[in-house]
C-alpha atoms as a PDB file:
ATOM      1  CA  UNK A   1      16.435 -65.038 -77.713  1.00  0.00           C
ATOM      2  CA  UNK A   2      16.872 -64.826 -73.958  1.00  0.00           C
ATOM      3  CA  UNK A   3      14.294 -65.739 -71.371  1.00  0.00           C
ATOM      4  CA  UNK A   4      13.738 -64.042 -68.008  1.00  0.00           C
ATOM      5  CA  UNK A   5      13.598 -66.335 -65.007  1.00  0.00           C
ATOM      6  CA  UNK A   6      12.628 -65.070 -61.550  1.00  0.00           C
ATOM      7  CA  UNK A   7      15.333 -65.590 -58.940  1.00  0.00           C
ATOM      8  CA  UNK A   8      13.934 -63.880 -55.826  1.00  0.00           C
ATOM      9  CA  UNK A   9      12.267 -60.739 -54.503  1.00  0.00           C
ATOM     10  CA  UNK A  10      14.487 -57.664 -54.399  1.00  0.00           C
ATOM     11  CA  UNK A  11      13.931 -57.168 -50.652  1.00  0.00           C
ATOM     12  CA  UNK A  12      15.534 -60.586 -50.003  1.00  0.00           C
ATOM     13  CA  UNK A  13      18.870 -59.343 -51.370  1.00  0.00           C
ATOM     14  CA  UNK A  14      21.004 -57.613 -48.740  1.00  0.00           C
ATOM     15  CA  UNK A  15      24.145 -55.579 -49.296  1.00  0.00           C
ATOM     16  CA  UNK A  16      27.205 -57.678 -48.443  1.00  0.00           C
ATOM     17  CA  UNK A  17      25.279 -60.905 -47.805  1.00  0.00           C
ATOM     18  CA  UNK A  18      25.033 -64.071 -49.900  1.00  0.00           C
ATOM     19  CA  UNK A  19      21.603 -65.460 -50.740  1.00  0.00           C
ATOM     20  CA  UNK A  20      21.766 -69.044 -52.034  1.00  0.00           C
ATOM     21  CA  UNK A  21      18.964 -69.989 -54.421  1.00  0.00           C
ATOM     22  CA  UNK A  22      18.344 -72.851 -56.804  1.00  0.00           C
ATOM     23  CA  UNK A  23      16.538 -72.147 -60.074  1.00  0.00           C
ATOM     24  CA  UNK A  24      15.657 -74.992 -62.425  1.00  0.00           C
ATOM     25  CA  UNK A  25      18.177 -77.207 -60.554  1.00  0.00           C
ATOM     26  CA  UNK A  26      20.961 -74.630 -61.039  1.00  0.00           C
ATOM     27  CA  UNK A  27      22.593 -73.449 -57.771  1.00  0.00           C
ATOM     28  CA  UNK A  28      23.025 -69.661 -57.740  1.00  0.00           C
ATOM     29  CA  UNK A  29      24.273 -66.956 -55.394  1.00  0.00           C
ATOM     30  CA  UNK A  30      22.628 -63.552 -55.196  1.00  0.00           C
ATOM     31  CA  UNK A  31      24.182 -60.525 -53.542  1.00  0.00           C
ATOM     32  CA  UNK A  32      24.134 -56.767 -53.678  1.00  0.00           C
ATOM     33  CA  UNK A  33      27.413 -54.913 -54.168  1.00  0.00           C
ATOM     34  CA  UNK A  34      27.333 -51.107 -53.952  1.00  0.00           C
ATOM     35  CA  UNK A  35      23.593 -51.263 -54.643  1.00  0.00           C
ATOM     36  CA  UNK A  36      23.966 -53.479 -57.734  1.00  0.00           C
ATOM     37  CA  UNK A  37      22.371 -56.942 -57.666  1.00  0.00           C
ATOM     38  CA  UNK A  38      24.733 -59.692 -58.811  1.00  0.00           C
ATOM     39  CA  UNK A  39      23.727 -63.270 -59.602  1.00  0.00           C
ATOM     40  CA  UNK A  40      26.465 -65.856 -60.073  1.00  0.00           C
ATOM     41  CA  UNK A  41      26.913 -69.574 -60.240  1.00  0.00           C
ATOM     42  CA  UNK A  42      27.295 -71.045 -56.752  1.00  0.00           C
ATOM     43  CA  UNK A  43      29.679 -73.966 -57.244  1.00  0.00           C
ATOM     44  CA  UNK A  44      33.455 -73.476 -57.136  1.00  0.00           C
ATOM     45  CA  UNK A  45      34.977 -74.027 -60.558  1.00  0.00           C
ATOM     46  CA  UNK A  46      37.909 -75.960 -59.073  1.00  0.00           C
ATOM     47  CA  UNK A  47      36.017 -78.567 -57.064  1.00  0.00           C
ATOM     48  CA  UNK A  48      32.296 -78.968 -56.663  1.00  0.00           C
ATOM     49  CA  UNK A  49      32.036 -77.054 -53.402  1.00  0.00           C
ATOM     50  CA  UNK A  50      29.061 -74.857 -52.517  1.00  0.00           C
ATOM     51  CA  UNK A  51      30.302 -71.274 -52.346  1.00  0.00           C
ATOM     52  CA  UNK A  52      27.349 -70.277 -50.171  1.00  0.00           C
ATOM     53  CA  UNK A  53      29.631 -71.567 -47.397  1.00  0.00           C
ATOM     54  CA  UNK A  54      32.473 -69.342 -48.609  1.00  0.00           C
ATOM     55  CA  UNK A  55      33.941 -66.192 -47.128  1.00  0.00           C
ATOM     56  CA  UNK A  56      32.469 -63.048 -48.699  1.00  0.00           C
ATOM     57  CA  UNK A  57      33.869 -59.548 -48.239  1.00  0.00           C
ATOM     58  CA  UNK A  58      34.043 -56.411 -50.373  1.00  0.00           C
ATOM     59  CA  UNK A  59      32.860 -58.142 -53.558  1.00  0.00           C
ATOM     60  CA  UNK A  60      35.278 -61.069 -53.274  1.00  0.00           C
ATOM     61  CA  UNK A  61      34.266 -64.649 -52.498  1.00  0.00           C
ATOM     62  CA  UNK A  62      36.790 -67.182 -51.210  1.00  0.00           C
ATOM     63  CA  UNK A  63      36.178 -70.900 -51.339  1.00  0.00           C
ATOM     64  CA  UNK A  64      37.109 -72.366 -47.951  1.00  0.00           C
ATOM     65  CA  UNK A  65      38.087 -75.705 -49.498  1.00  0.00           C
ATOM     66  CA  UNK A  66      41.281 -74.578 -51.287  1.00  0.00           C
ATOM     67  CA  UNK A  67      41.223 -70.762 -50.869  1.00  0.00           C
ATOM     68  CA  UNK A  68      40.497 -69.798 -54.471  1.00  0.00           C
ATOM     69  CA  UNK A  69      39.043 -66.298 -54.612  1.00  0.00           C
ATOM     70  CA  UNK A  70      36.545 -64.965 -57.150  1.00  0.00           C
ATOM     71  CA  UNK A  71      35.578 -61.403 -57.969  1.00  0.00           C
ATOM     72  CA  UNK A  72      31.791 -61.553 -57.891  1.00  0.00           C
ATOM     73  CA  UNK A  73      31.148 -58.629 -60.218  1.00  0.00           C
ATOM     74  CA  UNK A  74      33.048 -60.299 -63.077  1.00  0.00           C
ATOM     75  CA  UNK A  75      33.251 -63.924 -61.913  1.00  0.00           C
ATOM     76  CA  UNK A  76      37.026 -63.891 -62.475  1.00  0.00           C
ATOM     77  CA  UNK A  77      39.080 -66.497 -60.588  1.00  0.00           C
ATOM     78  CA  UNK A  78      41.861 -64.490 -58.959  1.00  0.00           C
ATOM     79  CA  UNK A  79      44.117 -67.286 -57.762  1.00  0.00           C
ATOM     80  CA  UNK A  80      44.673 -71.027 -58.183  1.00  0.00           C
ATOM     81  CA  UNK A  81      43.697 -73.712 -57.874  1.00  0.00           C
ATOM     82  CA  UNK A  82      40.547 -72.354 -59.586  1.00  0.00           C
ATOM     83  CA  UNK A  83      41.297 -70.954 -63.032  1.00  0.00           C
ATOM     84  CA  UNK A  84      37.830 -70.876 -64.602  1.00  0.00           C
ATOM     85  CA  UNK A  85      35.511 -67.972 -63.778  1.00  0.00           C
ATOM     86  CA  UNK A  86      32.111 -68.195 -62.150  1.00  0.00           C
ATOM     87  CA  UNK A  87      29.188 -67.585 -64.479  1.00  0.00           C
ATOM     88  CA  UNK A  88      27.689 -64.128 -63.965  1.00  0.00           C
ATOM     89  CA  UNK A  89      24.105 -63.780 -65.161  1.00  0.00           C
ATOM     90  CA  UNK A  90      22.569 -60.620 -66.622  1.00  0.00           C
ATOM     91  CA  UNK A  91      20.124 -59.254 -64.043  1.00  0.00           C
ATOM     92  CA  UNK A  92      16.816 -57.511 -64.669  1.00  0.00           C
ATOM     93  CA  UNK A  93      14.874 -55.848 -61.832  1.00  0.00           C
ATOM     94  CA  UNK A  94      11.158 -55.644 -62.544  1.00  0.00           C
ATOM     95  CA  UNK A  95       8.297 -54.908 -60.130  1.00  0.00           C
ATOM     96  CA  UNK A  96      10.537 -55.455 -57.062  1.00  0.00           C
ATOM     97  CA  UNK A  97      11.606 -58.882 -58.352  1.00  0.00           C
ATOM     98  CA  UNK A  98      15.023 -60.088 -59.485  1.00  0.00           C
ATOM     99  CA  UNK A  99      15.226 -61.948 -62.793  1.00  0.00           C
ATOM    100  CA  UNK A 100      18.146 -63.370 -64.744  1.00  0.00           C
ATOM    101  CA  UNK A 101      18.443 -63.703 -68.471  1.00  0.00           C
ATOM    102  CA  UNK A 102      19.113 -67.222 -69.683  1.00  0.00           C
END
């Protein structure tokens, strides 16, 4: 059975911007893409680099350390050296708050 955990308030999430949050010691990124809230893991799967410092445009996030790019809607790693995807969490919006299912 999944549990809902509050991530942030919906009004904190801006289209095209990255919001770094840490929930239960897990670093996450929150963004809005075409009106849809996306919550992903925040650490590059190649090296432990904080992707909140990455380059974000049009739903793609590039790690500045070695230039691996991830598609934030799916988490897919699009080019090496990263080969593992980011974790994408199921999102629930309730009473103007953003929750993830864990």
